[in-house]
Amino acid sequence: MHNFRELKVWQKSIEMVKNVYQITRNFPGEEQFGLVQQLRRASVSVPSNIAEGCSRDTEKAFNNFLKMAYGSCSEVITQMIISEELLFVDDNESSTIIIHVEEIQKMLRALINRNKS
């Protein structure tokens, strides 16, 4: 249906995953199975859902996976805010990730709206 590798939103979400992994390397060791794992899973879920949606037969099914990716973006934002509140990341690191994720959400919303037409 779609080649996910050609979608700008998928490419941008791969960059976001790399950034999340880089930032979470500096989290305290006791967070390896807590917030680090949550953040990494939520971030990986974004490009994964986009890719899986591209393999579906209908636009409706594709949109459902895009909506799941959108929801995972909201999880990443929430978890970054929590990480900042717990002083695991500084304001600059958190803001950089959140801005990146919000851009991905805008792209996802535009793609979802385009597919409704």
PDB file of N, CA and C in Angstrom:
ATOM      1  N   MET A   1       0.826  -1.186   0.000  1.00  0.00           N
ATOM      2  CA  MET A   1       0.000   0.000   0.000  1.00  0.00           C
ATOM      3  C   MET A   1       0.875   1.256   0.000  1.00  0.00           C
ATOM      4  N   HIS A   2       1.698   1.427   1.041  1.00  0.00           N
ATOM      5  CA  HIS A   2       2.641   2.537   1.128  1.00  0.00           C
ATOM      6  C   HIS A   2       4.016   1.961   1.412  1.00  0.00           C
ATOM      7  N   ASN A   3       5.051   2.625   0.936  1.00  0.00           N
ATOM      8  CA  ASN A   3       6.405   2.248   1.317  1.00  0.00           C
ATOM      9  C   ASN A   3       6.781   3.104   2.521  1.00  0.00           C
ATOM     10  N   PHE A   4       6.762   2.504   3.701  1.00  0.00           N
ATOM     11  CA  PHE A   4       6.964   3.277   4.934  1.00  0.00           C
ATOM     12  C   PHE A   4       8.309   3.980   4.965  1.00  0.00           C
ATOM     13  N   ARG A   5       9.313   3.416   4.329  1.00  0.00           N
ATOM     14  CA  ARG A   5      10.646   4.042   4.353  1.00  0.00           C
ATOM     15  C   ARG A   5      10.674   5.384   3.630  1.00  0.00           C
ATOM     16  N   GLU A   6       9.721   5.586   2.738  1.00  0.00           N
ATOM     17  CA  GLU A   6       9.655   6.844   1.994  1.00  0.00           C
ATOM     18  C   GLU A   6       8.858   7.924   2.722  1.00  0.00           C
ATOM     19  N   LEU A   7       8.114   7.545   3.753  1.00  0.00           N
ATOM     20  CA  LEU A   7       7.308   8.520   4.487  1.00  0.00           C
ATOM     21  C   LEU A   7       8.198   9.371   5.391  1.00  0.00           C
ATOM     22  N   LYS A   8       8.094  10.678   5.245  1.00  0.00           N
ATOM     23  CA  LYS A   8       8.885  11.610   6.067  1.00  0.00           C
ATOM     24  C   LYS A   8       8.598  11.425   7.550  1.00  0.00           C
ATOM     25  N   VAL A   9       7.342  11.137   7.890  1.00  0.00           N
ATOM     26  CA  VAL A   9       6.972  10.963   9.293  1.00  0.00           C
ATOM     27  C   VAL A   9       7.665   9.736   9.884  1.00  0.00           C
ATOM     28  N   TRP A  10       7.825   8.677   9.106  1.00  0.00           N
ATOM     29  CA  TRP A  10       8.535   7.490   9.570  1.00  0.00           C
ATOM     30  C   TRP A  10      10.016   7.820   9.769  1.00  0.00           C
ATOM     31  N   GLN A  11      10.605   8.520   8.804  1.00  0.00           N
ATOM     32  CA  GLN A  11      12.019   8.904   8.901  1.00  0.00           C
ATOM     33  C   GLN A  11      12.267   9.774  10.134  1.00  0.00           C
ATOM     34  N   LYS A  12      11.383  10.726  10.351  1.00  0.00           N
ATOM     35  CA  LYS A  12      11.511  11.624  11.506  1.00  0.00           C
ATOM     36  C   LYS A  12      11.337  10.856  12.815  1.00  0.00           C
ATOM     37  N   SER A  13      10.461   9.861  12.814  1.00  0.00           N
ATOM     38  CA  SER A  13      10.259   9.088  14.040  1.00  0.00           C
ATOM     39  C   SER A  13      11.454   8.189  14.341  1.00  0.00           C
ATOM     40  N   ILE A  14      12.145   7.728  13.331  1.00  0.00           N
ATOM     41  CA  ILE A  14      13.378   6.953  13.552  1.00  0.00           C
ATOM     42  C   ILE A  14      14.424   7.843  14.223  1.00  0.00           C
ATOM     43  N   GLU A  15      14.524   9.079  13.787  1.00  0.00           N
ATOM     44  CA  GLU A  15      15.450  10.037  14.421  1.00  0.00           C
ATOM     45  C   GLU A  15      15.074  10.262  15.882  1.00  0.00           C
ATOM     46  N   MET A  16      13.778  10.353  16.146  1.00  0.00           N
ATOM     47  CA  MET A  16      13.310  10.544  17.516  1.00  0.00           C
ATOM     48  C   MET A  16      13.717   9.369  18.390  1.00  0.00           C
ATOM     49  N   VAL A  17      13.575   8.151  17.880  1.00  0.00           N
ATOM     50  CA  VAL A  17      13.965   6.957  18.640  1.00  0.00           C
ATOM     51  C   VAL A  17      15.450   7.021  18.997  1.00  0.00           C
ATOM     52  N   LYS A  18      16.268   7.380  18.030  1.00  0.00           N
ATOM     53  CA  LYS A  18      17.708   7.473  18.294  1.00  0.00           C
ATOM     54  C   LYS A  18      17.995   8.504  19.383  1.00  0.00           C
ATOM     55  N   ASN A  19      17.290   9.624  19.339  1.00  0.00           N
ATOM     56  CA  ASN A  19      17.473  10.666  20.356  1.00  0.00           C
ATOM     57  C   ASN A  19      17.048  10.185  21.741  1.00  0.00           C
ATOM     58  N   VAL A  20      15.930   9.473  21.812  1.00  0.00           N
ATOM     59  CA  VAL A  20      15.447   8.946  23.087  1.00  0.00           C
ATOM     60  C   VAL A  20      16.464   7.953  23.656  1.00  0.00           C
ATOM     61  N   TYR A  21      16.968   7.065  22.829  1.00  0.00           N
ATOM     62  CA  TYR A  21      17.963   6.099  23.297  1.00  0.00           C
ATOM     63  C   TYR A  21      19.218   6.810  23.803  1.00  0.00           C
ATOM     64  N   GLN A  22      19.647   7.831  23.084  1.00  0.00           N
ATOM     65  CA  GLN A  22      20.840   8.583  23.493  1.00  0.00           C
ATOM     66  C   GLN A  22      20.629   9.247  24.854  1.00  0.00           C
ATOM     67  N   ILE A  23      19.503   9.894  25.032  1.00  0.00           N
ATOM     68  CA  ILE A  23      19.224  10.605  26.282  1.00  0.00           C
ATOM     69  C   ILE A  23      19.071   9.639  27.454  1.00  0.00           C
ATOM     70  N   THR A  24      18.399   8.500  27.218  1.00  0.00           N
ATOM     71  CA  THR A  24      18.138   7.585  28.328  1.00  0.00           C
ATOM     72  C   THR A  24      19.376   6.811  28.770  1.00  0.00           C
ATOM     73  N   ARG A  25      20.436   6.868  28.014  1.00  0.00           N
ATOM     74  CA  ARG A  25      21.698   6.241  28.448  1.00  0.00           C
ATOM     75  C   ARG A  25      22.217   6.869  29.735  1.00  0.00           C
ATOM     76  N   ASN A  26      21.850   8.110  29.968  1.00  0.00           N
ATOM     77  CA  ASN A  26      22.343   8.846  31.132  1.00  0.00           C
ATOM     78  C   ASN A  26      21.411   8.763  32.342  1.00  0.00           C
ATOM     79  N   PHE A  27      20.321   8.013  32.240  1.00  0.00           N
ATOM     80  CA  PHE A  27      19.393   7.874  33.363  1.00  0.00           C
ATOM     81  C   PHE A  27      20.047   7.019  34.451  1.00  0.00           C
ATOM     82  N   PRO A  28      19.601   7.165  35.691  1.00  0.00           N
ATOM     83  CA  PRO A  28      20.142   6.329  36.770  1.00  0.00           C
ATOM     84  C   PRO A  28      19.919   4.840  36.493  1.00  0.00           C
ATOM     85  N   GLY A  29      20.837   4.040  36.972  1.00  0.00           N
ATOM     86  CA  GLY A  29      20.766   2.599  36.747  1.00  0.00           C
ATOM     87  C   GLY A  29      19.480   1.967  37.229  1.00  0.00           C
ATOM     88  N   GLU A  30      18.938   2.471  38.341  1.00  0.00           N
ATOM     89  CA  GLU A  30      17.714   1.875  38.868  1.00  0.00           C
ATOM     90  C   GLU A  30      16.506   2.124  37.964  1.00  0.00           C
ATOM     91  N   GLU A  31      16.652   2.996  36.979  1.00  0.00           N
ATOM     92  CA  GLU A  31      15.558   3.280  36.042  1.00  0.00           C
ATOM     93  C   GLU A  31      15.614   2.418  34.781  1.00  0.00           C
ATOM     94  N   GLN A  32      16.601   1.520  34.669  1.00  0.00           N
ATOM     95  CA  GLN A  32      16.737   0.690  33.468  1.00  0.00           C
ATOM     96  C   GLN A  32      15.477  -0.121  33.179  1.00  0.00           C
ATOM     97  N   PHE A  33      14.790  -0.564  34.224  1.00  0.00           N
ATOM     98  CA  PHE A  33      13.589  -1.369  34.017  1.00  0.00           C
ATOM     99  C   PHE A  33      12.331  -0.584  34.359  1.00  0.00           C
ATOM    100  N   GLY A  34      12.462   0.708  34.475  1.00  0.00           N
ATOM    101  CA  GLY A  34      11.331   1.580  34.761  1.00  0.00           C
ATOM    102  C   GLY A  34      11.125   2.547  33.621  1.00  0.00           C
ATOM    103  N   LEU A  35      11.443   3.787  33.890  1.00  0.00           N
ATOM    104  CA  LEU A  35      11.186   4.859  32.926  1.00  0.00           C
ATOM    105  C   LEU A  35      11.991   4.697  31.630  1.00  0.00           C
ATOM    106  N   VAL A  36      13.205   4.204  31.724  1.00  0.00           N
ATOM    107  CA  VAL A  36      14.013   4.005  30.506  1.00  0.00           C
ATOM    108  C   VAL A  36      13.306   3.043  29.562  1.00  0.00           C
ATOM    109  N   GLN A  37      12.880   1.922  30.096  1.00  0.00           N
ATOM    110  CA  GLN A  37      12.199   0.925  29.277  1.00  0.00           C
ATOM    111  C   GLN A  37      10.887   1.468  28.710  1.00  0.00           C
ATOM    112  N   GLN A  38      10.132   2.195  29.527  1.00  0.00           N
ATOM    113  CA  GLN A  38       8.866   2.783  29.074  1.00  0.00           C
ATOM    114  C   GLN A  38       9.097   3.767  27.930  1.00  0.00           C
ATOM    115  N   LEU A  39      10.062   4.657  28.113  1.00  0.00           N
ATOM    116  CA  LEU A  39      10.359   5.664  27.088  1.00  0.00           C
ATOM    117  C   LEU A  39      10.819   5.016  25.789  1.00  0.00           C
ATOM    118  N   ARG A  40      11.697   4.055  25.910  1.00  0.00           N
ATOM    119  CA  ARG A  40      12.206   3.386  24.709  1.00  0.00           C
ATOM    120  C   ARG A  40      11.108   2.629  23.980  1.00  0.00           C
ATOM    121  N   ARG A  41      10.276   1.920  24.718  1.00  0.00           N
ATOM    122  CA  ARG A  41       9.186   1.176  24.066  1.00  0.00           C
ATOM    123  C   ARG A  41       8.200   2.104  23.391  1.00  0.00           C
ATOM    124  N   ALA A  42       7.826   3.180  24.068  1.00  0.00           N
ATOM    125  CA  ALA A  42       6.878   4.127  23.480  1.00  0.00           C
ATOM    126  C   ALA A  42       7.462   4.766  22.223  1.00  0.00           C
ATOM    127  N   SER A  43       8.742   5.113  22.274  1.00  0.00           N
ATOM    128  CA  SER A  43       9.353   5.755  21.101  1.00  0.00           C
ATOM    129  C   SER A  43       9.459   4.782  19.931  1.00  0.00           C
ATOM    130  N   VAL A  44       9.851   3.538  20.198  1.00  0.00           N
ATOM    131  CA  VAL A  44       9.959   2.531  19.138  1.00  0.00           C
ATOM    132  C   VAL A  44       8.590   2.208  18.548  1.00  0.00           C
ATOM    133  N   SER A  45       7.565   2.341  19.350  1.00  0.00           N
ATOM    134  CA  SER A  45       6.210   2.060  18.902  1.00  0.00           C
ATOM    135  C   SER A  45       5.768   3.008  17.786  1.00  0.00           C
ATOM    136  N   VAL A  46       6.295   4.214  17.763  1.00  0.00           N
ATOM    137  CA  VAL A  46       5.857   5.200  16.756  1.00  0.00           C
ATOM    138  C   VAL A  46       6.215   4.740  15.340  1.00  0.00           C
ATOM    139  N   PRO A  47       7.507   4.558  15.002  1.00  0.00           N
ATOM    140  CA  PRO A  47       7.801   4.116  13.633  1.00  0.00           C
ATOM    141  C   PRO A  47       7.294   2.700  13.346  1.00  0.00           C
ATOM    142  N   SER A  48       7.226   1.866  14.391  1.00  0.00           N
ATOM    143  CA  SER A  48       6.741   0.495  14.194  1.00  0.00           C
ATOM    144  C   SER A  48       5.281   0.482  13.770  1.00  0.00           C
ATOM    145  N   ASN A  49       4.451   1.299  14.412  1.00  0.00           N
ATOM    146  CA  ASN A  49       3.038   1.365  14.033  1.00  0.00           C
ATOM    147  C   ASN A  49       2.853   1.978  12.655  1.00  0.00           C
ATOM    148  N   ILE A  50       3.662   2.961  12.324  1.00  0.00           N
ATOM    149  CA  ILE A  50       3.586   3.545  10.975  1.00  0.00           C
ATOM    150  C   ILE A  50       3.915   2.471   9.939  1.00  0.00           C
ATOM    151  N   ALA A  51       4.981   1.728  10.184  1.00  0.00           N
ATOM    152  CA  ALA A  51       5.393   0.677   9.244  1.00  0.00           C
ATOM    153  C   ALA A  51       4.325  -0.407   9.133  1.00  0.00           C
ATOM    154  N   GLU A  52       3.789  -0.841  10.262  1.00  0.00           N
ATOM    155  CA  GLU A  52       2.771  -1.887  10.223  1.00  0.00           C
ATOM    156  C   GLU A  52       1.520  -1.397   9.499  1.00  0.00           C
ATOM    157  N   GLY A  53       1.134  -0.159   9.746  1.00  0.00           N
ATOM    158  CA  GLY A  53      -0.029   0.396   9.063  1.00  0.00           C
ATOM    159  C   GLY A  53       0.133   0.429   7.556  1.00  0.00           C
ATOM    160  N   CYS A  54       1.349   0.652   7.112  1.00  0.00           N
ATOM    161  CA  CYS A  54       1.612   0.697   5.669  1.00  0.00           C
ATOM    162  C   CYS A  54       1.373  -0.643   4.986  1.00  0.00           C
ATOM    163  N   SER A  55       1.426  -1.718   5.742  1.00  0.00           N
ATOM    164  CA  SER A  55       1.231  -3.041   5.152  1.00  0.00           C
ATOM    165  C   SER A  55      -0.240  -3.459   5.106  1.00  0.00           C
ATOM    166  N   ARG A  56      -1.117  -2.637   5.643  1.00  0.00           N
ATOM    167  CA  ARG A  56      -2.542  -2.974   5.687  1.00  0.00           C
ATOM    168  C   ARG A  56      -3.219  -2.690   4.358  1.00  0.00           C
ATOM    169  N   ASP A  57      -4.329  -3.371   4.155  1.00  0.00           N
ATOM    170  CA  ASP A  57      -5.012  -3.315   2.859  1.00  0.00           C
ATOM    171  C   ASP A  57      -5.918  -2.114   2.662  1.00  0.00           C
ATOM    172  N   THR A  58      -6.336  -1.485   3.749  1.00  0.00           N
ATOM    173  CA  THR A  58      -7.285  -0.383   3.609  1.00  0.00           C
ATOM    174  C   THR A  58      -6.743   0.886   4.272  1.00  0.00           C
ATOM    175  N   GLU A  59      -7.255   2.011   3.824  1.00  0.00           N
ATOM    176  CA  GLU A  59      -6.878   3.290   4.434  1.00  0.00           C
ATOM    177  C   GLU A  59      -7.365   3.362   5.878  1.00  0.00           C
ATOM    178  N   LYS A  60      -8.524   2.744   6.146  1.00  0.00           N
ATOM    179  CA  LYS A  60      -9.055   2.738   7.510  1.00  0.00           C
ATOM    180  C   LYS A  60      -8.099   2.009   8.454  1.00  0.00           C
ATOM    181  N   ALA A  61      -7.605   0.863   8.036  1.00  0.00           N
ATOM    182  CA  ALA A  61      -6.658   0.104   8.858  1.00  0.00           C
ATOM    183  C   ALA A  61      -5.353   0.887   9.014  1.00  0.00           C
ATOM    184  N   PHE A  62      -4.890   1.491   7.934  1.00  0.00           N
ATOM    185  CA  PHE A  62      -3.681   2.321   7.974  1.00  0.00           C
ATOM    186  C   PHE A  62      -3.868   3.447   8.992  1.00  0.00           C
ATOM    187  N   ASN A  63      -5.020   4.113   8.933  1.00  0.00           N
ATOM    188  CA  ASN A  63      -5.300   5.210   9.859  1.00  0.00           C
ATOM    189  C   ASN A  63      -5.320   4.752  11.313  1.00  0.00           C
ATOM    190  N   ASN A  64      -5.829   3.548  11.553  1.00  0.00           N
ATOM    191  CA  ASN A  64      -5.839   3.034  12.924  1.00  0.00           C
ATOM    192  C   ASN A  64      -4.422   2.913  13.482  1.00  0.00           C
ATOM    193  N   PHE A  65      -3.495   2.449  12.667  1.00  0.00           N
ATOM    194  CA  PHE A  65      -2.109   2.341  13.112  1.00  0.00           C
ATOM    195  C   PHE A  65      -1.461   3.715  13.264  1.00  0.00           C
ATOM    196  N   LEU A  66      -1.840   4.658  12.405  1.00  0.00           N
ATOM    197  CA  LEU A  66      -1.332   6.023  12.554  1.00  0.00           C
ATOM    198  C   LEU A  66      -1.824   6.624  13.870  1.00  0.00           C
ATOM    199  N   LYS A  67      -3.065   6.319  14.229  1.00  0.00           N
ATOM    200  CA  LYS A  67      -3.610   6.807  15.498  1.00  0.00           C
ATOM    201  C   LYS A  67      -2.886   6.177  16.690  1.00  0.00           C
ATOM    202  N   MET A  68      -2.518   4.912  16.567  1.00  0.00           N
ATOM    203  CA  MET A  68      -1.734   4.283  17.643  1.00  0.00           C
ATOM    204  C   MET A  68      -0.371   4.944  17.765  1.00  0.00           C
ATOM    205  N   ALA A  69       0.240   5.270  16.629  1.00  0.00           N
ATOM    206  CA  ALA A  69       1.523   5.967  16.639  1.00  0.00           C
ATOM    207  C   ALA A  69       1.372   7.333  17.303  1.00  0.00           C
ATOM    208  N   TYR A  70       0.275   8.008  17.015  1.00  0.00           N
ATOM    209  CA  TYR A  70      -0.016   9.309  17.627  1.00  0.00           C
ATOM    210  C   TYR A  70      -0.109   9.176  19.146  1.00  0.00           C
ATOM    211  N   GLY A  71      -0.803   8.145  19.597  1.00  0.00           N
ATOM    212  CA  GLY A  71      -0.932   7.897  21.030  1.00  0.00           C
ATOM    213  C   GLY A  71       0.415   7.607  21.676  1.00  0.00           C
ATOM    214  N   SER A  72       1.259   6.860  20.991  1.00  0.00           N
ATOM    215  CA  SER A  72       2.600   6.584  21.515  1.00  0.00           C
ATOM    216  C   SER A  72       3.414   7.864  21.629  1.00  0.00           C
ATOM    217  N   CYS A  73       3.195   8.794  20.718  1.00  0.00           N
ATOM    218  CA  CYS A  73       3.857  10.103  20.814  1.00  0.00           C
ATOM    219  C   CYS A  73       3.454  10.806  22.110  1.00  0.00           C
ATOM    220  N   SER A  74       2.180  10.730  22.436  1.00  0.00           N
ATOM    221  CA  SER A  74       1.698  11.351  23.681  1.00  0.00           C
ATOM    222  C   SER A  74       2.351  10.693  24.895  1.00  0.00           C
ATOM    223  N   GLU A  75       2.565   9.389  24.826  1.00  0.00           N
ATOM    224  CA  GLU A  75       3.257   8.696  25.910  1.00  0.00           C
ATOM    225  C   GLU A  75       4.691   9.216  26.055  1.00  0.00           C
ATOM    226  N   VAL A  76       5.389   9.371  24.941  1.00  0.00           N
ATOM    227  CA  VAL A  76       6.768   9.858  24.981  1.00  0.00           C
ATOM    228  C   VAL A  76       6.817  11.248  25.607  1.00  0.00           C
ATOM    229  N   ILE A  77       5.903  12.115  25.197  1.00  0.00           N
ATOM    230  CA  ILE A  77       5.879  13.467  25.762  1.00  0.00           C
ATOM    231  C   ILE A  77       5.658  13.414  27.266  1.00  0.00           C
ATOM    232  N   THR A  78       4.682  12.628  27.699  1.00  0.00           N
ATOM    233  CA  THR A  78       4.393  12.504  29.128  1.00  0.00           C
ATOM    234  C   THR A  78       5.600  11.972  29.890  1.00  0.00           C
ATOM    235  N   GLN A  79       6.233  10.960  29.358  1.00  0.00           N
ATOM    236  CA  GLN A  79       7.381  10.353  30.027  1.00  0.00           C
ATOM    237  C   GLN A  79       8.591  11.286  30.047  1.00  0.00           C
ATOM    238  N   MET A  80       8.722  12.127  29.039  1.00  0.00           N
ATOM    239  CA  MET A  80       9.805  13.116  29.053  1.00  0.00           C
ATOM    240  C   MET A  80       9.539  14.173  30.121  1.00  0.00           C
ATOM    241  N   ILE A  81       8.296  14.576  30.276  1.00  0.00           N
ATOM    242  CA  ILE A  81       7.949  15.540  31.326  1.00  0.00           C
ATOM    243  C   ILE A  81       8.243  14.939  32.697  1.00  0.00           C
ATOM    244  N   ILE A  82       7.867  13.683  32.892  1.00  0.00           N
ATOM    245  CA  ILE A  82       8.163  13.006  34.157  1.00  0.00           C
ATOM    246  C   ILE A  82       9.674  12.926  34.383  1.00  0.00           C
ATOM    247  N   SER A  83      10.413  12.598  33.342  1.00  0.00           N
ATOM    248  CA  SER A  83      11.876  12.505  33.443  1.00  0.00           C
ATOM    249  C   SER A  83      12.491  13.839  33.839  1.00  0.00           C
ATOM    250  N   GLU A  84      11.945  14.905  33.294  1.00  0.00           N
ATOM    251  CA  GLU A  84      12.426  16.245  33.653  1.00  0.00           C
ATOM    252  C   GLU A  84      12.077  16.569  35.102  1.00  0.00           C
ATOM    253  N   GLU A  85      10.861  16.256  35.504  1.00  0.00           N
ATOM    254  CA  GLU A  85      10.432  16.520  36.878  1.00  0.00           C
ATOM    255  C   GLU A  85      11.289  15.755  37.893  1.00  0.00           C
ATOM    256  N   LEU A  86      11.723  14.562  37.511  1.00  0.00           N
ATOM    257  CA  LEU A  86      12.562  13.743  38.392  1.00  0.00           C
ATOM    258  C   LEU A  86      14.055  14.084  38.261  1.00  0.00           C
ATOM    259  N   LEU A  87      14.346  15.092  37.431  1.00  0.00           N
ATOM    260  CA  LEU A  87      15.719  15.583  37.211  1.00  0.00           C
ATOM    261  C   LEU A  87      16.634  14.555  36.541  1.00  0.00           C
ATOM    262  N   PHE A  88      16.055  13.667  35.732  1.00  0.00           N
ATOM    263  CA  PHE A  88      16.853  12.718  34.958  1.00  0.00           C
ATOM    264  C   PHE A  88      17.355  13.351  33.668  1.00  0.00           C
ATOM    265  N   VAL A  89      16.661  14.382  33.197  1.00  0.00           N
ATOM    266  CA  VAL A  89      17.062  15.143  32.016  1.00  0.00           C
ATOM    267  C   VAL A  89      16.912  16.619  32.332  1.00  0.00           C
ATOM    268  N   ASP A  90      17.674  17.434  31.628  1.00  0.00           N
ATOM    269  CA  ASP A  90      17.509  18.871  31.845  1.00  0.00           C
ATOM    270  C   ASP A  90      16.437  19.411  30.903  1.00  0.00           C
ATOM    271  N   ASP A  91      16.041  20.628  31.146  1.00  0.00           N
ATOM    272  CA  ASP A  91      14.968  21.273  30.392  1.00  0.00           C
ATOM    273  C   ASP A  91      15.258  21.287  28.898  1.00  0.00           C
ATOM    274  N   ASN A  92      16.507  21.530  28.516  1.00  0.00           N
ATOM    275  CA  ASN A  92      16.884  21.603  27.112  1.00  0.00           C
ATOM    276  C   ASN A  92      16.706  20.254  26.415  1.00  0.00           C
ATOM    277  N   GLU A  93      17.159  19.178  27.065  1.00  0.00           N
ATOM    278  CA  GLU A  93      17.016  17.845  26.476  1.00  0.00           C
ATOM    279  C   GLU A  93      15.543  17.475  26.326  1.00  0.00           C
ATOM    280  N   SER A  94      14.788  17.714  27.365  1.00  0.00           N
ATOM    281  CA  SER A  94      13.362  17.399  27.357  1.00  0.00           C
ATOM    282  C   SER A  94      12.635  18.196  26.276  1.00  0.00           C
ATOM    283  N   SER A  95      12.905  19.490  26.215  1.00  0.00           N
ATOM    284  CA  SER A  95      12.244  20.354  25.227  1.00  0.00           C
ATOM    285  C   SER A  95      12.563  19.919  23.802  1.00  0.00           C
ATOM    286  N   THR A  96      13.798  19.540  23.568  1.00  0.00           N
ATOM    287  CA  THR A  96      14.213  19.106  22.225  1.00  0.00           C
ATOM    288  C   THR A  96      13.416  17.883  21.783  1.00  0.00           C
ATOM    289  N   ILE A  97      13.303  16.900  22.664  1.00  0.00           N
ATOM    290  CA  ILE A  97      12.535  15.693  22.337  1.00  0.00           C
ATOM    291  C   ILE A  97      11.055  16.029  22.158  1.00  0.00           C
ATOM    292  N   ILE A  98      10.506  16.802  23.069  1.00  0.00           N
ATOM    293  CA  ILE A  98       9.068  17.125  23.010  1.00  0.00           C
ATOM    294  C   ILE A  98       8.734  17.877  21.728  1.00  0.00           C
ATOM    295  N   ILE A  99       9.538  18.842  21.342  1.00  0.00           N
ATOM    296  CA  ILE A  99       9.299  19.579  20.093  1.00  0.00           C
ATOM    297  C   ILE A  99       9.341  18.632  18.901  1.00  0.00           C
ATOM    298  N   HIS A 100      10.317  17.738  18.893  1.00  0.00           N
ATOM    299  CA  HIS A 100      10.456  16.752  17.811  1.00  0.00           C
ATOM    300  C   HIS A 100       9.201  15.865  17.735  1.00  0.00           C
ATOM    301  N   VAL A 101       8.736  15.397  18.887  1.00  0.00           N
ATOM    302  CA  VAL A 101       7.562  14.521  18.932  1.00  0.00           C
ATOM    303  C   VAL A 101       6.299  15.277  18.511  1.00  0.00           C
ATOM    304  N   GLU A 102       6.179  16.526  18.923  1.00  0.00           N
ATOM    305  CA  GLU A 102       5.011  17.317  18.510  1.00  0.00           C
ATOM    306  C   GLU A 102       4.984  17.526  16.992  1.00  0.00           C
ATOM    307  N   GLU A 103       6.148  17.652  16.381  1.00  0.00           N
ATOM    308  CA  GLU A 103       6.213  17.754  14.917  1.00  0.00           C
ATOM    309  C   GLU A 103       5.739  16.451  14.272  1.00  0.00           C
ATOM    310  N   ILE A 104       6.137  15.333  14.847  1.00  0.00           N
ATOM    311  CA  ILE A 104       5.690  14.039  14.347  1.00  0.00           C
ATOM    312  C   ILE A 104       4.173  13.923  14.477  1.00  0.00           C
ATOM    313  N   GLN A 105       3.638  14.373  15.602  1.00  0.00           N
ATOM    314  CA  GLN A 105       2.186  14.331  15.791  1.00  0.00           C
ATOM    315  C   GLN A 105       1.459  15.167  14.740  1.00  0.00           C
ATOM    316  N   LYS A 106       1.993  16.330  14.420  1.00  0.00           N
ATOM    317  CA  LYS A 106       1.373  17.164  13.379  1.00  0.00           C
ATOM    318  C   LYS A 106       1.379  16.450  12.032  1.00  0.00           C
ATOM    319  N   MET A 107       2.491  15.791  11.734  1.00  0.00           N
ATOM    320  CA  MET A 107       2.600  15.063  10.471  1.00  0.00           C
ATOM    321  C   MET A 107       1.622  13.887  10.444  1.00  0.00           C
ATOM    322  N   LEU A 108       1.510  13.183  11.553  1.00  0.00           N
ATOM    323  CA  LEU A 108       0.570  12.064  11.639  1.00  0.00           C
ATOM    324  C   LEU A 108      -0.865  12.552  11.465  1.00  0.00           C
ATOM    325  N   ARG A 109      -1.216  13.646  12.149  1.00  0.00           N
ATOM    326  CA  ARG A 109      -2.570  14.194  12.062  1.00  0.00           C
ATOM    327  C   ARG A 109      -2.877  14.582  10.615  1.00  0.00           C
ATOM    328  N   ALA A 110      -1.939  15.212   9.936  1.00  0.00           N
ATOM    329  CA  ALA A 110      -2.151  15.605   8.535  1.00  0.00           C
ATOM    330  C   ALA A 110      -2.350  14.380   7.649  1.00  0.00           C
ATOM    331  N   LEU A 111      -1.586  13.337   7.889  1.00  0.00           N
ATOM    332  CA  LEU A 111      -1.708  12.116   7.097  1.00  0.00           C
ATOM    333  C   LEU A 111      -3.051  11.427   7.370  1.00  0.00           C
ATOM    334  N   ILE A 112      -3.447  11.396   8.617  1.00  0.00           N
ATOM    335  CA  ILE A 112      -4.750  10.816   8.982  1.00  0.00           C
ATOM    336  C   ILE A 112      -5.876  11.595   8.297  1.00  0.00           C
ATOM    337  N   ASN A 113      -5.826  12.918   8.374  1.00  0.00           N
ATOM    338  CA  ASN A 113      -6.864  13.758   7.762  1.00  0.00           C
ATOM    339  C   ASN A 113      -6.883  13.599   6.249  1.00  0.00           C
ATOM    340  N   ARG A 114      -5.723  13.486   5.643  1.00  0.00           N
ATOM    341  CA  ARG A 114      -5.645  13.303   4.182  1.00  0.00           C
ATOM    342  C   ARG A 114      -6.282  11.978   3.777  1.00  0.00           C
ATOM    343  N   ASN A 115      -6.063  10.950   4.589  1.00  0.00           N
ATOM    344  CA  ASN A 115      -6.608   9.630   4.262  1.00  0.00           C
ATOM    345  C   ASN A 115      -8.117   9.543   4.477  1.00  0.00           C
ATOM    346  N   LYS A 116      -8.679  10.455   5.272  1.00  0.00           N
ATOM    347  CA  LYS A 116     -10.129  10.474   5.484  1.00  0.00           C
ATOM    348  C   LYS A 116     -10.849  10.956   4.245  1.00  0.00           C
ATOM    349  N   SER A 117     -10.190  11.794   3.470  1.00  0.00           N
ATOM    350  CA  SER A 117     -10.831  12.406   2.299  1.00  0.00           C
ATOM    351  C   SER A 117     -11.079  11.421   1.188  1.00  0.00           C
TER     352      SER A 117
END
